[in-house]
Structures are given as structure tokens and as C-alpha cells.
Amino acid sequence: MAVIFKIRDSGVIHRCPLRHIFLFIGADPNVGWLDGCVATDAKGFVTTGTENAGKPLDSRPVLPLETSHPGVFAIGDIRAGSTKRVAAAVGEGAAIVAQIHSVLAAE
């Protein structure tokens, strides 16, 4: 078994024999739909928590998974600094429930 790679710029083709493969293709965030609603880093990933300079809100600090827009949260691959793995996104999803509850309780 083998994988064949083609270098786009030069057109050079490489054949790489292998027995096992883990394939991770890209990590480009699909944030066009946000259209500037929340802050993103230079690569386009949504920044959360202290990456938004930890600016305190009127009555509370910014929460770890909260975006630059108060009460809006980001988890998973779209978030800057995430590990880009399904299990990590599931964990963030569980953690965000408590954060949402704390925001709602403060209102």
C-alpha cells in the first residue's frame, strides 16, 4: 500500500509506501457566516476568554469560552487555541453549559 503526493507548486509526484495512516486535512476555520460579529485571530479562529484581553463586563469577568460578544460562546475547531479533536470539542461543549448557566444567573 502507498500514498501518492503531488506538490502543487512544482508538479513533482512522490510515492510513499506505508502500512498505517492518520490523515488530517487542513484547519481553515469556516467563519464567514459570523461576518465580524465576534473577534478572531490572524488565522480566522474565534478568540475566547483571556484572548479577548479578558475585558471584564459590567458585572462579571469574561468566561473562558466566551467570545468578544458578551453571552456568545465558541467551542471546538472554530475556537482559537482548541486542540482540534472531537473529544476535546465534546468536553468544551460540556464545560460551556456551566458557563451559560452562570451568565443567565447573573442577569
PDB file of N, CA and C in Angstrom:
ATOM      1  N   MET A   1       0.842  -1.153   0.000  1.00  0.00           N
ATOM      2  CA  MET A   1       0.000   0.000   0.000  1.00  0.00           C
ATOM      3  C   MET A   1       0.901   1.234   0.000  1.00  0.00           C
ATOM      4  N   ALA A   2       0.418   2.293  -0.630  1.00  0.00           N
ATOM      5  CA  ALA A   2       1.185   3.530  -0.693  1.00  0.00           C
ATOM      6  C   ALA A   2       0.249   4.714  -0.872  1.00  0.00           C
ATOM      7  N   VAL A   3       0.800   5.885  -0.612  1.00  0.00           N
ATOM      8  CA  VAL A   3       0.094   7.133  -0.859  1.00  0.00           C
ATOM      9  C   VAL A   3       0.918   7.913  -1.861  1.00  0.00           C
ATOM     10  N   ILE A   4       0.235   8.568  -2.774  1.00  0.00           N
ATOM     11  CA  ILE A   4       0.919   9.384  -3.774  1.00  0.00           C
ATOM     12  C   ILE A   4       0.600  10.846  -3.496  1.00  0.00           C
ATOM     13  N   PHE A   5       1.653  11.652  -3.359  1.00  0.00           N
ATOM     14  CA  PHE A   5       1.508  13.075  -3.087  1.00  0.00           C
ATOM     15  C   PHE A   5       1.982  13.859  -4.298  1.00  0.00           C
ATOM     16  N   LYS A   6       1.268  14.933  -4.614  1.00  0.00           N
ATOM     17  CA  LYS A   6       1.698  15.823  -5.690  1.00  0.00           C
ATOM     18  C   LYS A   6       1.894  17.207  -5.097  1.00  0.00           C
ATOM     19  N   ILE A   7       3.080  17.768  -5.287  1.00  0.00           N
ATOM     20  CA  ILE A   7       3.364  19.120  -4.821  1.00  0.00           C
ATOM     21  C   ILE A   7       2.775  20.078  -5.843  1.00  0.00           C
ATOM     22  N   ARG A   8       1.814  20.853  -5.420  1.00  0.00           N
ATOM     23  CA  ARG A   8       1.077  21.720  -6.347  1.00  0.00           C
ATOM     24  C   ARG A   8       1.973  22.697  -7.094  1.00  0.00           C
ATOM     25  N   ASP A   9       2.883  23.334  -6.372  1.00  0.00           N
ATOM     26  CA  ASP A   9       3.716  24.371  -6.999  1.00  0.00           C
ATOM     27  C   ASP A   9       4.610  23.822  -8.108  1.00  0.00           C
ATOM     28  N   SER A  10       5.216  22.659  -7.861  1.00  0.00           N
ATOM     29  CA  SER A  10       6.191  22.135  -8.819  1.00  0.00           C
ATOM     30  C   SER A  10       5.636  21.021  -9.698  1.00  0.00           C
ATOM     31  N   GLY A  11       4.554  20.386  -9.253  1.00  0.00           N
ATOM     32  CA  GLY A  11       4.001  19.262 -10.001  1.00  0.00           C
ATOM     33  C   GLY A  11       4.728  17.953  -9.739  1.00  0.00           C
ATOM     34  N   VAL A  12       5.757  17.987  -8.881  1.00  0.00           N
ATOM     35  CA  VAL A  12       6.524  16.786  -8.564  1.00  0.00           C
ATOM     36  C   VAL A  12       5.636  15.810  -7.800  1.00  0.00           C
ATOM     37  N   ILE A  13       5.720  14.534  -8.174  1.00  0.00           N
ATOM     38  CA  ILE A  13       4.914  13.488  -7.539  1.00  0.00           C
ATOM     39  C   ILE A  13       5.818  12.597  -6.704  1.00  0.00           C
ATOM     40  N   HIS A  14       5.377  12.294  -5.487  1.00  0.00           N
ATOM     41  CA  HIS A  14       6.106  11.414  -4.573  1.00  0.00           C
ATOM     42  C   HIS A  14       5.225  10.222  -4.232  1.00  0.00           C
ATOM     43  N   ARG A  15       5.812   9.037  -4.235  1.00  0.00           N
ATOM     44  CA  ARG A  15       5.112   7.838  -3.792  1.00  0.00           C
ATOM     45  C   ARG A  15       5.704   7.428  -2.455  1.00  0.00           C
ATOM     46  N   CYS A  16       4.842   7.249  -1.461  1.00  0.00           N
ATOM     47  CA  CYS A  16       5.297   6.957  -0.113  1.00  0.00           C
ATOM     48  C   CYS A  16       4.673   5.642   0.361  1.00  0.00           C
ATOM     49  N   PRO A  17       5.466   4.546   0.399  1.00  0.00           N
ATOM     50  CA  PRO A  17       4.923   3.286   0.915  1.00  0.00           C
ATOM     51  C   PRO A  17       4.580   3.432   2.395  1.00  0.00           C
ATOM     52  N   LEU A  18       3.491   2.813   2.819  1.00  0.00           N
ATOM     53  CA  LEU A  18       3.103   2.885   4.221  1.00  0.00           C
ATOM     54  C   LEU A  18       2.203   1.721   4.604  1.00  0.00           C
ATOM     55  N   ARG A  19       2.093   1.508   5.910  1.00  0.00           N
ATOM     56  CA  ARG A  19       1.205   0.466   6.435  1.00  0.00           C
ATOM     57  C   ARG A  19       0.027   1.068   7.174  1.00  0.00           C
ATOM     58  N   HIS A  20       0.224   2.246   7.775  1.00  0.00           N
ATOM     59  CA  HIS A  20      -0.823   2.904   8.545  1.00  0.00           C
ATOM     60  C   HIS A  20      -0.805   4.389   8.207  1.00  0.00           C
ATOM     61  N   ILE A  21      -1.965   5.023   8.343  1.00  0.00           N
ATOM     62  CA  ILE A  21      -2.017   6.463   8.071  1.00  0.00           C
ATOM     63  C   ILE A  21      -3.080   7.126   8.943  1.00  0.00           C
ATOM     64  N   PHE A  22      -2.748   8.309   9.427  1.00  0.00           N
ATOM     65  CA  PHE A  22      -3.717   9.188  10.061  1.00  0.00           C
ATOM     66  C   PHE A  22      -3.719  10.434   9.204  1.00  0.00           C
ATOM     67  N   LEU A  23      -4.864  10.818   8.696  1.00  0.00           N
ATOM     68  CA  LEU A  23      -4.946  11.937   7.769  1.00  0.00           C
ATOM     69  C   LEU A  23      -5.689  13.100   8.397  1.00  0.00           C
ATOM     70  N   PHE A  24      -5.044  14.251   8.442  1.00  0.00           N
ATOM     71  CA  PHE A  24      -5.644  15.472   8.948  1.00  0.00           C
ATOM     72  C   PHE A  24      -5.502  16.497   7.843  1.00  0.00           C
ATOM     73  N   ILE A  25      -6.610  16.891   7.259  1.00  0.00           N
ATOM     74  CA  ILE A  25      -6.554  17.800   6.117  1.00  0.00           C
ATOM     75  C   ILE A  25      -7.003  19.190   6.526  1.00  0.00           C
ATOM     76  N   GLY A  26      -6.064  20.071   6.628  1.00  0.00           N
ATOM     77  CA  GLY A  26      -6.353  21.471   6.853  1.00  0.00           C
ATOM     78  C   GLY A  26      -6.953  21.804   8.201  1.00  0.00           C
ATOM     79  N   ALA A  27      -6.938  23.056   8.483  1.00  0.00           N
ATOM     80  CA  ALA A  27      -7.542  23.568   9.701  1.00  0.00           C
ATOM     81  C   ALA A  27      -7.976  25.005   9.440  1.00  0.00           C
ATOM     82  N   ASP A  28      -8.643  25.195   8.324  1.00  0.00           N
ATOM     83  CA  ASP A  28      -9.120  26.534   7.998  1.00  0.00           C
ATOM     84  C   ASP A  28     -10.510  26.732   8.592  1.00  0.00           C
ATOM     85  N   PRO A  29     -10.669  27.738   9.442  1.00  0.00           N
ATOM     86  CA  PRO A  29     -11.971  27.949  10.070  1.00  0.00           C
ATOM     87  C   PRO A  29     -12.997  28.456   9.062  1.00  0.00           C
ATOM     88  N   ASN A  30     -14.212  27.968   9.179  1.00  0.00           N
ATOM     89  CA  ASN A  30     -15.302  28.406   8.317  1.00  0.00           C
ATOM     90  C   ASN A  30     -16.129  29.419   9.110  1.00  0.00           C
ATOM     91  N   VAL A  31     -15.663  30.669   9.155  1.00  0.00           N
ATOM     92  CA  VAL A  31     -16.303  31.683   9.981  1.00  0.00           C
ATOM     93  C   VAL A  31     -16.929  32.815   9.167  1.00  0.00           C
ATOM     94  N   GLY A  32     -17.023  32.643   7.875  1.00  0.00           N
ATOM     95  CA  GLY A  32     -17.589  33.687   7.030  1.00  0.00           C
ATOM     96  C   GLY A  32     -18.979  34.116   7.462  1.00  0.00           C
ATOM     97  N   TRP A  33     -19.738  33.177   7.987  1.00  0.00           N
ATOM     98  CA  TRP A  33     -21.108  33.476   8.415  1.00  0.00           C
ATOM     99  C   TRP A  33     -21.157  34.398   9.625  1.00  0.00           C
ATOM    100  N   LEU A  34     -20.032  34.498  10.361  1.00  0.00           N
ATOM    101  CA  LEU A  34     -20.004  35.391  11.524  1.00  0.00           C
ATOM    102  C   LEU A  34     -19.897  36.853  11.115  1.00  0.00           C
ATOM    103  N   ASP A  35     -19.296  37.114   9.974  1.00  0.00           N
ATOM    104  CA  ASP A  35     -19.200  38.448   9.385  1.00  0.00           C
ATOM    105  C   ASP A  35     -18.847  39.540  10.389  1.00  0.00           C
ATOM    106  N   GLY A  36     -17.779  39.315  11.158  1.00  0.00           N
ATOM    107  CA  GLY A  36     -17.292  40.331  12.077  1.00  0.00           C
ATOM    108  C   GLY A  36     -18.073  40.474  13.370  1.00  0.00           C
ATOM    109  N   CYS A  37     -18.951  39.531  13.677  1.00  0.00           N
ATOM    110  CA  CYS A  37     -19.754  39.618  14.915  1.00  0.00           C
ATOM    111  C   CYS A  37     -18.930  39.378  16.173  1.00  0.00           C
ATOM    112  N   VAL A  38     -17.880  38.571  16.073  1.00  0.00           N
ATOM    113  CA  VAL A  38     -17.003  38.292  17.207  1.00  0.00           C
ATOM    114  C   VAL A  38     -15.556  38.408  16.744  1.00  0.00           C
ATOM    115  N   ALA A  39     -14.655  38.600  17.684  1.00  0.00           N
ATOM    116  CA  ALA A  39     -13.241  38.756  17.347  1.00  0.00           C
ATOM    117  C   ALA A  39     -12.632  37.422  16.917  1.00  0.00           C
ATOM    118  N   THR A  40     -11.708  37.503  15.960  1.00  0.00           N
ATOM    119  CA  THR A  40     -10.970  36.331  15.504  1.00  0.00           C
ATOM    120  C   THR A  40      -9.474  36.656  15.526  1.00  0.00           C
ATOM    121  N   ASP A  41      -8.660  35.588  15.509  1.00  0.00           N
ATOM    122  CA  ASP A  41      -7.214  35.810  15.462  1.00  0.00           C
ATOM    123  C   ASP A  41      -6.786  36.006  14.008  1.00  0.00           C
ATOM    124  N   ALA A  42      -5.492  36.129  13.788  1.00  0.00           N
ATOM    125  CA  ALA A  42      -4.967  36.389  12.445  1.00  0.00           C
ATOM    126  C   ALA A  42      -5.296  35.276  11.446  1.00  0.00           C
ATOM    127  N   LYS A  43      -5.541  34.056  11.953  1.00  0.00           N
ATOM    128  CA  LYS A  43      -5.857  32.931  11.082  1.00  0.00           C
ATOM    129  C   LYS A  43      -7.361  32.756  10.881  1.00  0.00           C
ATOM    130  N   GLY A  44      -8.161  33.555  11.578  1.00  0.00           N
ATOM    131  CA  GLY A  44      -9.608  33.485  11.430  1.00  0.00           C
ATOM    132  C   GLY A  44     -10.332  32.665  12.474  1.00  0.00           C
ATOM    133  N   PHE A  45      -9.599  32.124  13.464  1.00  0.00           N
ATOM    134  CA  PHE A  45     -10.239  31.361  14.532  1.00  0.00           C
ATOM    135  C   PHE A  45     -10.839  32.318  15.556  1.00  0.00           C
ATOM    136  N   VAL A  46     -11.977  31.959  16.129  1.00  0.00           N
ATOM    137  CA  VAL A  46     -12.664  32.794  17.106  1.00  0.00           C
ATOM    138  C   VAL A  46     -11.883  32.808  18.417  1.00  0.00           C
ATOM    139  N   THR A  47     -11.607  33.998  18.918  1.00  0.00           N
ATOM    140  CA  THR A  47     -10.896  34.123  20.191  1.00  0.00           C
ATOM    141  C   THR A  47     -11.904  34.095  21.334  1.00  0.00           C
ATOM    142  N   THR A  48     -11.474  33.508  22.449  1.00  0.00           N
ATOM    143  CA  THR A  48     -12.347  33.381  23.613  1.00  0.00           C
ATOM    144  C   THR A  48     -11.589  33.728  24.879  1.00  0.00           C
ATOM    145  N   GLY A  49     -12.335  34.028  25.931  1.00  0.00           N
ATOM    146  CA  GLY A  49     -11.749  34.262  27.249  1.00  0.00           C
ATOM    147  C   GLY A  49     -10.670  35.305  27.266  1.00  0.00           C
ATOM    148  N   THR A  50      -9.540  34.966  27.854  1.00  0.00           N
ATOM    149  CA  THR A  50      -8.455  35.930  28.029  1.00  0.00           C
ATOM    150  C   THR A  50      -7.819  36.349  26.710  1.00  0.00           C
ATOM    151  N   GLU A  51      -8.060  35.602  25.632  1.00  0.00           N
ATOM    152  CA  GLU A  51      -7.539  36.022  24.329  1.00  0.00           C
ATOM    153  C   GLU A  51      -8.235  37.291  23.852  1.00  0.00           C
ATOM    154  N   ASN A  52      -9.361  37.634  24.483  1.00  0.00           N
ATOM    155  CA  ASN A  52     -10.053  38.893  24.202  1.00  0.00           C
ATOM    156  C   ASN A  52      -9.635  39.939  25.220  1.00  0.00           C
ATOM    157  N   ALA A  53      -8.421  39.810  25.706  1.00  0.00           N
ATOM    158  CA  ALA A  53      -7.821  40.703  26.700  1.00  0.00           C
ATOM    159  C   ALA A  53      -8.541  40.609  28.039  1.00  0.00           C
ATOM    160  N   GLY A  54      -9.380  39.578  28.199  1.00  0.00           N
ATOM    161  CA  GLY A  54     -10.060  39.361  29.469  1.00  0.00           C
ATOM    162  C   GLY A  54     -10.820  40.571  29.966  1.00  0.00           C
ATOM    163  N   LYS A  55     -11.352  41.368  29.038  1.00  0.00           N
ATOM    164  CA  LYS A  55     -12.054  42.588  29.423  1.00  0.00           C
ATOM    165  C   LYS A  55     -13.259  42.255  30.296  1.00  0.00           C
ATOM    166  N   PRO A  56     -13.293  42.735  31.523  1.00  0.00           N
ATOM    167  CA  PRO A  56     -14.445  42.446  32.374  1.00  0.00           C
ATOM    168  C   PRO A  56     -15.693  43.150  31.841  1.00  0.00           C
ATOM    169  N   LEU A  57     -16.811  42.491  32.005  1.00  0.00           N
ATOM    170  CA  LEU A  57     -18.083  43.088  31.627  1.00  0.00           C
ATOM    171  C   LEU A  57     -18.576  43.923  32.794  1.00  0.00           C
ATOM    172  N   ASP A  58     -19.747  44.505  32.682  1.00  0.00           N
ATOM    173  CA  ASP A  58     -20.269  45.363  33.748  1.00  0.00           C
ATOM    174  C   ASP A  58     -20.286  44.664  35.098  1.00  0.00           C
ATOM    175  N   SER A  59     -20.759  43.406  35.126  1.00  0.00           N
ATOM    176  CA  SER A  59     -20.941  42.750  36.413  1.00  0.00           C
ATOM    177  C   SER A  59     -20.134  41.475  36.599  1.00  0.00           C
ATOM    178  N   ARG A  60     -19.334  41.082  35.608  1.00  0.00           N
ATOM    179  CA  ARG A  60     -18.623  39.810  35.724  1.00  0.00           C
ATOM    180  C   ARG A  60     -17.429  39.768  34.779  1.00  0.00           C
ATOM    181  N   PRO A  61     -16.478  38.868  35.047  1.00  0.00           N
ATOM    182  CA  PRO A  61     -15.339  38.699  34.131  1.00  0.00           C
ATOM    183  C   PRO A  61     -15.770  37.920  32.881  1.00  0.00           C
ATOM    184  N   VAL A  62     -14.976  38.025  31.831  1.00  0.00           N
ATOM    185  CA  VAL A  62     -15.217  37.238  30.626  1.00  0.00           C
ATOM    186  C   VAL A  62     -14.920  35.781  30.962  1.00  0.00           C
ATOM    187  N   LEU A  63     -15.792  34.877  30.552  1.00  0.00           N
ATOM    188  CA  LEU A  63     -15.625  33.455  30.842  1.00  0.00           C
ATOM    189  C   LEU A  63     -14.688  32.797  29.829  1.00  0.00           C
ATOM    190  N   PRO A  64     -14.072  31.663  30.179  1.00  0.00           N
ATOM    191  CA  PRO A  64     -13.045  31.048  29.325  1.00  0.00           C
ATOM    192  C   PRO A  64     -13.464  30.740  27.890  1.00  0.00           C
ATOM    193  N   LEU A  65     -14.707  30.366  27.648  1.00  0.00           N
ATOM    194  CA  LEU A  65     -15.144  30.029  26.293  1.00  0.00           C
ATOM    195  C   LEU A  65     -16.034  31.104  25.687  1.00  0.00           C
ATOM    196  N   GLU A  66     -16.078  32.270  26.320  1.00  0.00           N
ATOM    197  CA  GLU A  66     -16.905  33.375  25.847  1.00  0.00           C
ATOM    198  C   GLU A  66     -16.150  34.181  24.802  1.00  0.00           C
ATOM    199  N   THR A  67     -16.844  34.585  23.769  1.00  0.00           N
ATOM    200  CA  THR A  67     -16.228  35.370  22.696  1.00  0.00           C
ATOM    201  C   THR A  67     -16.169  36.838  23.087  1.00  0.00           C
ATOM    202  N   SER A  68     -15.769  37.680  22.163  1.00  0.00           N
ATOM    203  CA  SER A  68     -15.710  39.115  22.404  1.00  0.00           C
ATOM    204  C   SER A  68     -17.107  39.729  22.514  1.00  0.00           C
ATOM    205  N   HIS A  69     -18.124  38.972  22.145  1.00  0.00           N
ATOM    206  CA  HIS A  69     -19.508  39.435  22.270  1.00  0.00           C
ATOM    207  C   HIS A  69     -20.102  38.801  23.527  1.00  0.00           C
ATOM    208  N   PRO A  70     -20.421  39.594  24.539  1.00  0.00           N
ATOM    209  CA  PRO A  70     -20.910  39.040  25.808  1.00  0.00           C
ATOM    210  C   PRO A  70     -22.087  38.073  25.624  1.00  0.00           C
ATOM    211  N   GLY A  71     -21.969  36.908  26.276  1.00  0.00           N
ATOM    212  CA  GLY A  71     -23.030  35.909  26.215  1.00  0.00           C
ATOM    213  C   GLY A  71     -22.990  35.008  25.000  1.00  0.00           C
ATOM    214  N   VAL A  72     -22.006  35.207  24.116  1.00  0.00           N
ATOM    215  CA  VAL A  72     -21.838  34.349  22.933  1.00  0.00           C
ATOM    216  C   VAL A  72     -20.571  33.522  23.158  1.00  0.00           C
ATOM    217  N   PHE A  73     -20.695  32.220  23.002  1.00  0.00           N
ATOM    218  CA  PHE A  73     -19.601  31.299  23.310  1.00  0.00           C
ATOM    219  C   PHE A  73     -19.153  30.554  22.057  1.00  0.00           C
ATOM    220  N   ALA A  74     -17.917  30.073  22.064  1.00  0.00           N
ATOM    221  CA  ALA A  74     -17.394  29.283  20.946  1.00  0.00           C
ATOM    222  C   ALA A  74     -16.687  28.051  21.506  1.00  0.00           C
ATOM    223  N   ILE A  75     -16.906  26.920  20.846  1.00  0.00           N
ATOM    224  CA  ILE A  75     -16.238  25.676  21.231  1.00  0.00           C
ATOM    225  C   ILE A  75     -15.784  24.942  19.983  1.00  0.00           C
ATOM    226  N   GLY A  76     -14.902  23.990  20.174  1.00  0.00           N
ATOM    227  CA  GLY A  76     -14.480  23.112  19.092  1.00  0.00           C
ATOM    228  C   GLY A  76     -13.473  23.732  18.148  1.00  0.00           C
ATOM    229  N   ASP A  77     -13.445  23.210  16.932  1.00  0.00           N
ATOM    230  CA  ASP A  77     -12.421  23.582  15.958  1.00  0.00           C
ATOM    231  C   ASP A  77     -12.410  25.055  15.585  1.00  0.00           C
ATOM    232  N   ILE A  78     -13.523  25.725  15.702  1.00  0.00           N
ATOM    233  CA  ILE A  78     -13.605  27.137  15.320  1.00  0.00           C
ATOM    234  C   ILE A  78     -12.895  28.047  16.325  1.00  0.00           C
ATOM    235  N   ARG A  79     -12.640  27.533  17.535  1.00  0.00           N
ATOM    236  CA  ARG A  79     -12.063  28.336  18.605  1.00  0.00           C
ATOM    237  C   ARG A  79     -10.543  28.367  18.532  1.00  0.00           C
ATOM    238  N   ALA A  80      -9.976  29.568  18.618  1.00  0.00           N
ATOM    239  CA  ALA A  80      -8.519  29.723  18.666  1.00  0.00           C
ATOM    240  C   ALA A  80      -7.982  29.003  19.891  1.00  0.00           C
ATOM    241  N   GLY A  81      -6.933  28.233  19.727  1.00  0.00           N
ATOM    242  CA  GLY A  81      -6.314  27.544  20.840  1.00  0.00           C
ATOM    243  C   GLY A  81      -6.902  26.180  21.155  1.00  0.00           C
ATOM    244  N   SER A  82      -7.943  25.781  20.435  1.00  0.00           N
ATOM    245  CA  SER A  82      -8.516  24.456  20.694  1.00  0.00           C
ATOM    246  C   SER A  82      -7.592  23.379  20.143  1.00  0.00           C
ATOM    247  N   THR A  83      -7.751  22.152  20.632  1.00  0.00           N
ATOM    248  CA  THR A  83      -6.872  21.064  20.192  1.00  0.00           C
ATOM    249  C   THR A  83      -7.327  20.420  18.892  1.00  0.00           C
ATOM    250  N   LYS A  84      -8.423  20.852  18.331  1.00  0.00           N
ATOM    251  CA  LYS A  84      -8.918  20.371  17.028  1.00  0.00           C
ATOM    252  C   LYS A  84      -9.129  18.861  17.025  1.00  0.00           C
ATOM    253  N   ARG A  85      -9.760  18.359  18.079  1.00  0.00           N
ATOM    254  CA  ARG A  85     -10.106  16.939  18.182  1.00  0.00           C
ATOM    255  C   ARG A  85     -11.541  16.826  18.666  1.00  0.00           C
ATOM    256  N   VAL A  86     -12.249  15.813  18.198  1.00  0.00           N
ATOM    257  CA  VAL A  86     -13.658  15.633  18.546  1.00  0.00           C
ATOM    258  C   VAL A  86     -13.852  15.534  20.053  1.00  0.00           C
ATOM    259  N   ALA A  87     -13.041  14.730  20.718  1.00  0.00           N
ATOM    260  CA  ALA A  87     -13.198  14.546  22.164  1.00  0.00           C
ATOM    261  C   ALA A  87     -13.024  15.865  22.914  1.00  0.00           C
ATOM    262  N   ALA A  88     -12.102  16.697  22.449  1.00  0.00           N
ATOM    263  CA  ALA A  88     -11.900  17.993  23.101  1.00  0.00           C
ATOM    264  C   ALA A  88     -13.117  18.884  22.904  1.00  0.00           C
ATOM    265  N   ALA A  89     -13.692  18.864  21.721  1.00  0.00           N
ATOM    266  CA  ALA A  89     -14.887  19.670  21.451  1.00  0.00           C
ATOM    267  C   ALA A  89     -16.057  19.209  22.314  1.00  0.00           C
ATOM    268  N   VAL A  90     -16.179  17.907  22.516  1.00  0.00           N
ATOM    269  CA  VAL A  90     -17.245  17.370  23.376  1.00  0.00           C
ATOM    270  C   VAL A  90     -17.046  17.870  24.802  1.00  0.00           C
ATOM    271  N   GLY A  91     -15.804  17.836  25.278  1.00  0.00           N
ATOM    272  CA  GLY A  91     -15.515  18.329  26.617  1.00  0.00           C
ATOM    273  C   GLY A  91     -15.821  19.809  26.761  1.00  0.00           C
ATOM    274  N   GLU A  92     -15.465  20.601  25.740  1.00  0.00           N
ATOM    275  CA  GLU A  92     -15.764  22.031  25.768  1.00  0.00           C
ATOM    276  C   GLU A  92     -17.278  22.252  25.767  1.00  0.00           C
ATOM    277  N   GLY A  93     -17.994  21.414  25.022  1.00  0.00           N
ATOM    278  CA  GLY A  93     -19.452  21.518  24.992  1.00  0.00           C
ATOM    279  C   GLY A  93     -20.062  21.282  26.353  1.00  0.00           C
ATOM    280  N   ALA A  94     -19.494  20.333  27.085  1.00  0.00           N
ATOM    281  CA  ALA A  94     -19.977  20.067  28.442  1.00  0.00           C
ATOM    282  C   ALA A  94     -19.622  21.224  29.376  1.00  0.00           C
ATOM    283  N   ALA A  95     -18.430  21.769  29.233  1.00  0.00           N
ATOM    284  CA  ALA A  95     -17.987  22.868  30.093  1.00  0.00           C
ATOM    285  C   ALA A  95     -18.792  24.139  29.848  1.00  0.00           C
ATOM    286  N   ILE A  96     -19.200  24.335  28.629  1.00  0.00           N
ATOM    287  CA  ILE A  96     -19.897  25.576  28.277  1.00  0.00           C
ATOM    288  C   ILE A  96     -21.277  25.668  28.931  1.00  0.00           C
ATOM    289  N   VAL A  97     -21.866  24.513  29.227  1.00  0.00           N
ATOM    290  CA  VAL A  97     -23.186  24.520  29.875  1.00  0.00           C
ATOM    291  C   VAL A  97     -23.120  25.278  31.198  1.00  0.00           C
ATOM    292  N   ALA A  98     -22.120  24.995  32.001  1.00  0.00           N
ATOM    293  CA  ALA A  98     -21.964  25.696  33.294  1.00  0.00           C
ATOM    294  C   ALA A  98     -21.718  27.181  33.083  1.00  0.00           C
ATOM    295  N   GLN A  99     -20.947  27.531  32.063  1.00  0.00           N
ATOM    296  CA  GLN A  99     -20.673  28.940  31.792  1.00  0.00           C
ATOM    297  C   GLN A  99     -21.939  29.680  31.369  1.00  0.00           C
ATOM    298  N   ILE A 100     -22.757  29.034  30.552  1.00  0.00           N
ATOM    299  CA  ILE A 100     -24.021  29.657  30.131  1.00  0.00           C
ATOM    300  C   ILE A 100     -24.937  29.846  31.339  1.00  0.00           C
ATOM    301  N   HIS A 101     -24.984  28.828  32.202  1.00  0.00           N
ATOM    302  CA  HIS A 101     -25.812  28.933  33.411  1.00  0.00           C
ATOM    303  C   HIS A 101     -25.353  30.101  34.278  1.00  0.00           C
ATOM    304  N   SER A 102     -24.044  30.318  34.389  1.00  0.00           N
ATOM    305  CA  SER A 102     -23.560  31.416  35.230  1.00  0.00           C
ATOM    306  C   SER A 102     -23.919  32.764  34.626  1.00  0.00           C
ATOM    307  N   VAL A 103     -23.902  32.863  33.301  1.00  0.00           N
ATOM    308  CA  VAL A 103     -24.297  34.122  32.640  1.00  0.00           C
ATOM    309  C   VAL A 103     -25.785  34.379  32.877  1.00  0.00           C
ATOM    310  N   LEU A 104     -26.596  33.349  32.704  1.00  0.00           N
ATOM    311  CA  LEU A 104     -28.038  33.512  32.895  1.00  0.00           C
ATOM    312  C   LEU A 104     -28.367  33.841  34.350  1.00  0.00           C
ATOM    313  N   ALA A 105     -27.651  33.264  35.281  1.00  0.00           N
ATOM    314  CA  ALA A 105     -27.889  33.535  36.699  1.00  0.00           C
ATOM    315  C   ALA A 105     -27.534  34.955  37.069  1.00  0.00           C
ATOM    316  N   ALA A 106     -26.557  35.537  36.375  1.00  0.00           N
ATOM    317  CA  ALA A 106     -26.119  36.894  36.675  1.00  0.00           C
ATOM    318  C   ALA A 106     -27.081  37.956  36.114  1.00  0.00           C
ATOM    319  N   GLU A 107     -27.931  37.548  35.197  1.00  0.00           N
ATOM    320  CA  GLU A 107     -28.846  38.523  34.581  1.00  0.00           C
ATOM    321  C   GLU A 107     -30.117  38.706  35.364  1.00  0.00           C
TER     322      GLU A 107
END
